[in-house]
Amino acid sequence: MVKKMKKCNMENCGTGGCAYFLGFLGAAIYYISTSTGFWNGVLGFLKAIVWPLFLVLEMLKYLGA
């Protein structure tokens, strides 16, 4: 049997990607603008890619988990 894949319609797809991109852009601008050298800027860019991880980690620390 062949299963049909569920198709996305325009009403419920893509909003998470947009929010992630805007967060990435803001984090990249922040980290790069506060860097003191080239390699710190590169590190800031890498941090901007994984910013949701930092957000969840700090939230768990705040909640005491």
N, C-alpha and C. Protein backbone atom coordinates (compact mmCIF):
# COMPACT_ATOMS: atom_id res chain seq x y z
N MET A 1 0.84 -1.18 0.00
CA MET A 1 0.00 0.00 0.00
C MET A 1 0.89 1.25 0.00
N VAL A 2 0.46 2.20 -0.72
CA VAL A 2 1.18 3.46 -0.78
C VAL A 2 0.45 4.48 0.08
N LYS A 3 1.20 5.06 1.02
CA LYS A 3 0.58 6.07 1.88
C LYS A 3 0.69 7.42 1.21
N LYS A 4 -0.37 8.18 1.29
CA LYS A 4 -0.35 9.52 0.74
C LYS A 4 0.24 10.47 1.77
N MET A 5 1.10 11.33 1.31
CA MET A 5 1.71 12.30 2.20
C MET A 5 0.76 13.47 2.40
N LYS A 6 0.70 13.94 3.62
CA LYS A 6 -0.16 15.08 3.93
C LYS A 6 0.47 16.35 3.37
N LYS A 7 -0.30 17.08 2.63
CA LYS A 7 0.21 18.32 2.05
C LYS A 7 -0.07 19.49 2.97
N CYS A 8 0.85 20.42 2.97
CA CYS A 8 0.69 21.64 3.76
C CYS A 8 -0.08 22.65 2.93
N ASN A 9 -0.97 23.35 3.57
CA ASN A 9 -1.57 24.48 2.88
C ASN A 9 -0.92 25.76 3.39
N MET A 10 -1.20 26.85 2.79
CA MET A 10 -0.52 28.10 3.10
C MET A 10 -0.92 28.68 4.45
N GLU A 11 -1.94 28.15 5.08
CA GLU A 11 -2.42 28.72 6.33
C GLU A 11 -1.61 28.27 7.54
N ASN A 12 -0.98 27.11 7.50
CA ASN A 12 -0.34 26.60 8.70
C ASN A 12 1.12 26.19 8.50
N CYS A 13 1.75 26.65 7.47
CA CYS A 13 3.14 26.26 7.22
C CYS A 13 4.04 27.49 7.10
N GLY A 14 5.22 27.38 7.63
CA GLY A 14 6.22 28.41 7.41
C GLY A 14 6.34 29.45 8.50
N THR A 15 5.43 29.52 9.44
CA THR A 15 5.53 30.57 10.44
C THR A 15 6.67 30.31 11.41
N GLY A 16 6.95 29.06 11.73
CA GLY A 16 8.07 28.74 12.60
C GLY A 16 9.40 29.09 11.96
N GLY A 17 9.52 28.84 10.69
CA GLY A 17 10.75 29.17 9.98
C GLY A 17 10.99 30.66 9.92
N CYS A 18 9.94 31.42 9.76
CA CYS A 18 10.05 32.88 9.73
C CYS A 18 10.49 33.41 11.09
N ALA A 19 9.90 32.89 12.15
CA ALA A 19 10.27 33.33 13.50
C ALA A 19 11.70 32.94 13.81
N TYR A 20 12.12 31.74 13.41
CA TYR A 20 13.50 31.31 13.64
C TYR A 20 14.46 32.20 12.87
N PHE A 21 14.13 32.53 11.63
CA PHE A 21 15.01 33.37 10.82
C PHE A 21 15.15 34.77 11.42
N LEU A 22 14.05 35.35 11.87
CA LEU A 22 14.13 36.67 12.48
C LEU A 22 14.94 36.63 13.79
N GLY A 23 14.77 35.57 14.55
CA GLY A 23 15.56 35.41 15.76
C GLY A 23 17.04 35.22 15.44
N PHE A 24 17.32 34.43 14.42
CA PHE A 24 18.70 34.23 13.97
C PHE A 24 19.33 35.54 13.53
N LEU A 25 18.59 36.30 12.76
CA LEU A 25 19.10 37.58 12.27
C LEU A 25 19.39 38.54 13.42
N GLY A 26 18.48 38.64 14.36
CA GLY A 26 18.69 39.51 15.51
C GLY A 26 19.87 39.05 16.36
N ALA A 27 19.98 37.74 16.59
CA ALA A 27 21.09 37.21 17.38
C ALA A 27 22.42 37.43 16.66
N ALA A 28 22.44 37.23 15.34
CA ALA A 28 23.68 37.43 14.59
C ALA A 28 24.12 38.88 14.65
N ILE A 29 23.19 39.80 14.49
CA ILE A 29 23.53 41.23 14.57
C ILE A 29 24.06 41.57 15.95
N TYR A 30 23.41 41.05 16.99
CA TYR A 30 23.84 41.34 18.36
C TYR A 30 25.24 40.78 18.63
N TYR A 31 25.42 39.48 18.37
CA TYR A 31 26.70 38.84 18.67
C TYR A 31 27.85 39.43 17.86
N ILE A 32 27.61 39.71 16.59
CA ILE A 32 28.68 40.25 15.75
C ILE A 32 28.99 41.69 16.13
N SER A 33 27.97 42.46 16.48
CA SER A 33 28.22 43.86 16.84
C SER A 33 28.95 44.00 18.17
N THR A 34 28.81 43.01 19.06
CA THR A 34 29.50 43.09 20.35
C THR A 34 30.83 42.35 20.35
N SER A 35 31.21 41.77 19.22
CA SER A 35 32.48 41.04 19.17
C SER A 35 33.66 42.01 19.11
N THR A 36 34.79 41.56 19.64
CA THR A 36 35.98 42.41 19.70
C THR A 36 37.00 42.06 18.63
N GLY A 37 36.79 40.99 17.91
CA GLY A 37 37.73 40.59 16.86
C GLY A 37 37.05 39.69 15.85
N PHE A 38 37.82 39.30 14.85
CA PHE A 38 37.27 38.48 13.76
C PHE A 38 36.76 37.14 14.27
N TRP A 39 37.59 36.42 15.05
CA TRP A 39 37.20 35.09 15.51
C TRP A 39 36.06 35.15 16.51
N ASN A 40 35.98 36.22 17.26
CA ASN A 40 34.82 36.39 18.14
C ASN A 40 33.56 36.62 17.32
N GLY A 41 33.68 37.29 16.19
CA GLY A 41 32.55 37.46 15.29
C GLY A 41 32.10 36.15 14.68
N VAL A 42 33.07 35.30 14.31
CA VAL A 42 32.74 33.97 13.78
C VAL A 42 32.05 33.14 14.85
N LEU A 43 32.56 33.20 16.08
CA LEU A 43 31.93 32.49 17.18
C LEU A 43 30.52 33.02 17.43
N GLY A 44 30.34 34.33 17.32
CA GLY A 44 29.02 34.93 17.48
C GLY A 44 28.05 34.45 16.42
N PHE A 45 28.54 34.31 15.19
CA PHE A 45 27.68 33.80 14.11
C PHE A 45 27.26 32.36 14.41
N LEU A 46 28.18 31.56 14.90
CA LEU A 46 27.85 30.17 15.24
C LEU A 46 26.87 30.12 16.41
N LYS A 47 27.03 31.02 17.37
CA LYS A 47 26.08 31.10 18.48
C LYS A 47 24.70 31.49 17.97
N ALA A 48 24.65 32.37 16.99
CA ALA A 48 23.36 32.82 16.46
C ALA A 48 22.61 31.67 15.78
N ILE A 49 23.35 30.72 15.24
CA ILE A 49 22.69 29.58 14.59
C ILE A 49 21.97 28.72 15.62
N VAL A 50 22.55 28.57 16.82
CA VAL A 50 21.97 27.69 17.83
C VAL A 50 21.34 28.46 18.98
N TRP A 51 20.87 29.69 18.74
CA TRP A 51 20.31 30.50 19.81
C TRP A 51 19.11 29.88 20.50
N PRO A 52 18.27 29.07 19.84
CA PRO A 52 17.16 28.46 20.59
C PRO A 52 17.65 27.53 21.70
N LEU A 53 18.78 26.88 21.49
CA LEU A 53 19.35 26.02 22.51
C LEU A 53 19.69 26.84 23.76
N PHE A 54 20.31 28.00 23.58
CA PHE A 54 20.63 28.86 24.71
C PHE A 54 19.36 29.35 25.41
N LEU A 55 18.35 29.66 24.64
CA LEU A 55 17.09 30.14 25.20
C LEU A 55 16.44 29.08 26.08
N VAL A 56 16.37 27.86 25.60
CA VAL A 56 15.76 26.77 26.36
C VAL A 56 16.61 26.45 27.60
N LEU A 57 17.93 26.45 27.46
CA LEU A 57 18.80 26.18 28.59
C LEU A 57 18.62 27.20 29.70
N GLU A 58 18.58 28.47 29.36
CA GLU A 58 18.39 29.51 30.37
C GLU A 58 16.99 29.44 30.99
N MET A 59 15.99 29.08 30.19
CA MET A 59 14.64 28.95 30.71
C MET A 59 14.58 27.79 31.72
N LEU A 60 15.25 26.68 31.43
CA LEU A 60 15.26 25.56 32.36
C LEU A 60 16.02 25.91 33.63
N LYS A 61 17.10 26.69 33.51
CA LYS A 61 17.81 27.13 34.69
C LYS A 61 16.92 28.02 35.56
N TYR A 62 16.18 28.90 34.92
CA TYR A 62 15.29 29.80 35.62
C TYR A 62 14.19 29.04 36.36
N LEU A 63 13.68 28.00 35.71
CA LEU A 63 12.60 27.21 36.31
C LEU A 63 13.11 26.24 37.36
N GLY A 64 14.42 26.08 37.47
CA GLY A 64 15.00 25.20 38.45
C GLY A 64 14.97 23.73 38.08
N ALA A 65 14.86 23.45 36.82
CA ALA A 65 14.81 22.05 36.37
C ALA A 65 16.20 21.48 36.21
